[in-house]
Amino acid sequence: MDIPLLAGTISTVIFAGSMLPMLAKAARTRDLGSYSLGNIALINLGNVVHTLYVVTLPVGPVWVLHGFYVVSSALMLAWCLRYRSSTHATEPTTEPATRVADADLPVRLGV
């Protein structure tokens, strides 16, 4: 195995491995509030454009890495759109309860 192919294989494993915990946590918790929808959308757009370049290269580690990025960023976009819309629709607001509790404070303290 030549050095560039070995380096590409090792870096592919490292980059893909670094994304797996993020994907696992997003799938497990469905909490994507800390991810920017704009950033995830731009990543997907960049992957589409970058695909035009990758398909001109010989099959190798870069194909695997790019394929992993395409799938993982598409999953993140789908989950972001799905879970954010369902979370915002069903998530109750706590602001009125806080105001009621604050207004009731002197009564509870006997003042």
Protein backbone atom coordinates (compact mmCIF):
# COMPACT_ATOMS: atom_id res chain seq x y z
CA MET A 1 0.00 0.00 0.00
CA ASP A 2 1.41 3.39 -0.91
CA ILE A 3 1.68 6.29 1.57
CA PRO A 4 -1.05 8.56 0.07
CA LEU A 5 -3.58 5.71 0.07
CA LEU A 6 -2.66 4.75 3.64
CA ALA A 7 -2.93 8.39 4.77
CA GLY A 8 -6.30 8.73 3.03
CA THR A 9 -7.60 5.57 4.65
CA ILE A 10 -6.45 6.58 8.13
CA SER A 11 -7.84 10.12 7.81
CA THR A 12 -11.16 8.74 6.55
CA VAL A 13 -11.48 6.52 9.62
CA ILE A 14 -10.55 9.42 11.93
CA PHE A 15 -12.94 11.95 10.35
CA ALA A 16 -15.83 9.50 10.18
CA GLY A 17 -15.15 8.34 13.73
CA SER A 18 -15.21 11.92 14.98
CA MET A 19 -18.72 12.43 13.59
CA LEU A 20 -20.24 9.22 14.94
CA PRO A 21 -20.73 10.46 18.55
CA MET A 22 -22.56 13.56 17.25
CA LEU A 23 -24.82 11.46 15.05
CA ALA A 24 -25.48 8.97 17.84
CA LYS A 25 -26.38 11.72 20.32
CA ALA A 26 -28.64 13.48 17.81
CA ALA A 27 -30.42 10.21 17.02
CA ARG A 28 -30.73 9.25 20.69
CA THR A 29 -31.83 12.57 22.19
CA ARG A 30 -33.50 14.20 19.19
CA ASP A 31 -32.17 17.47 20.61
CA LEU A 32 -30.75 19.46 17.71
CA GLY A 33 -31.32 22.89 19.20
CA SER A 34 -27.58 23.58 19.37
CA TYR A 35 -27.13 22.98 15.62
CA SER A 36 -27.56 25.78 13.13
CA LEU A 37 -30.12 24.91 10.45
CA GLY A 38 -28.39 27.33 8.06
CA ASN A 39 -25.04 25.66 8.63
CA ILE A 40 -26.45 22.17 8.07
CA ALA A 41 -28.22 23.33 4.90
CA LEU A 42 -24.99 24.88 3.57
CA ILE A 43 -23.07 21.69 4.35
CA ASN A 44 -25.59 19.73 2.28
CA LEU A 45 -25.32 22.22 -0.58
CA GLY A 46 -21.53 22.02 -0.41
CA ASN A 47 -21.70 18.23 -0.49
CA VAL A 48 -23.82 18.34 -3.65
CA VAL A 49 -21.30 20.61 -5.38
CA HIS A 50 -18.32 18.65 -4.03
CA THR A 51 -19.82 15.44 -5.45
CA LEU A 52 -19.16 16.84 -8.92
CA TYR A 53 -15.48 16.89 -8.04
CA VAL A 54 -15.30 13.56 -6.18
CA VAL A 55 -16.82 11.54 -9.02
CA THR A 56 -13.92 12.61 -11.26
CA LEU A 57 -11.40 11.03 -8.87
CA PRO A 58 -10.40 7.37 -8.87
CA VAL A 59 -12.32 5.23 -6.40
CA GLY A 60 -10.58 5.32 -3.04
CA PRO A 61 -10.83 6.58 0.53
CA VAL A 62 -12.08 10.01 -0.54
CA TRP A 63 -15.17 8.37 -2.05
CA VAL A 64 -15.89 6.61 1.24
CA LEU A 65 -15.33 9.77 3.27
CA HIS A 66 -17.44 11.90 0.96
CA GLY A 67 -20.19 9.27 0.94
CA PHE A 68 -20.17 9.26 4.73
CA TYR A 69 -20.37 13.07 4.82
CA VAL A 70 -23.26 13.10 2.34
CA VAL A 71 -25.25 10.56 4.33
CA SER A 72 -24.49 12.04 7.77
CA SER A 73 -25.19 15.65 6.77
CA ALA A 74 -28.42 14.62 5.02
CA LEU A 75 -29.47 12.77 8.19
CA MET A 76 -28.68 15.80 10.32
CA LEU A 77 -30.72 18.04 8.01
CA ALA A 78 -33.67 15.65 8.02
CA TRP A 79 -33.53 15.25 11.81
CA CYS A 80 -33.12 18.99 12.31
CA LEU A 81 -36.20 19.75 10.22
CA ARG A 82 -38.25 16.95 11.73
CA TYR A 83 -37.35 17.24 15.40
CA ARG A 84 -37.23 21.02 15.60
CA SER A 85 -40.70 21.42 14.12
CA SER A 86 -42.19 18.71 16.36
CA THR A 87 -40.38 20.05 19.44
CA HIS A 88 -41.52 23.64 18.93
CA ALA A 89 -45.11 22.58 18.25
CA THR A 90 -45.47 20.50 21.43
CA GLU A 91 -43.11 22.28 23.81
CA PRO A 92 -45.07 24.24 26.42
CA THR A 93 -43.83 27.65 27.37
CA THR A 94 -42.78 28.10 30.99
CA GLU A 95 -42.84 31.89 31.01
CA PRO A 96 -46.42 32.37 32.33
CA ALA A 97 -45.84 29.83 35.10
CA THR A 98 -42.71 31.71 36.17
CA ARG A 99 -44.62 34.99 36.29
CA VAL A 100 -47.41 33.44 38.36
CA ALA A 101 -44.88 31.91 40.76
CA ASP A 102 -43.05 35.24 41.10
CA ALA A 103 -46.30 37.13 41.68
CA ASP A 104 -47.37 34.57 44.28
CA LEU A 105 -44.07 34.78 46.18
CA PRO A 106 -45.15 37.41 48.78
CA VAL A 107 -48.27 35.35 49.58
CA ARG A 108 -46.24 32.17 50.10
CA LEU A 109 -43.76 34.04 52.31
CA GLY A 110 -46.57 35.46 54.44
CA VAL A 111 -45.78 39.06 53.53
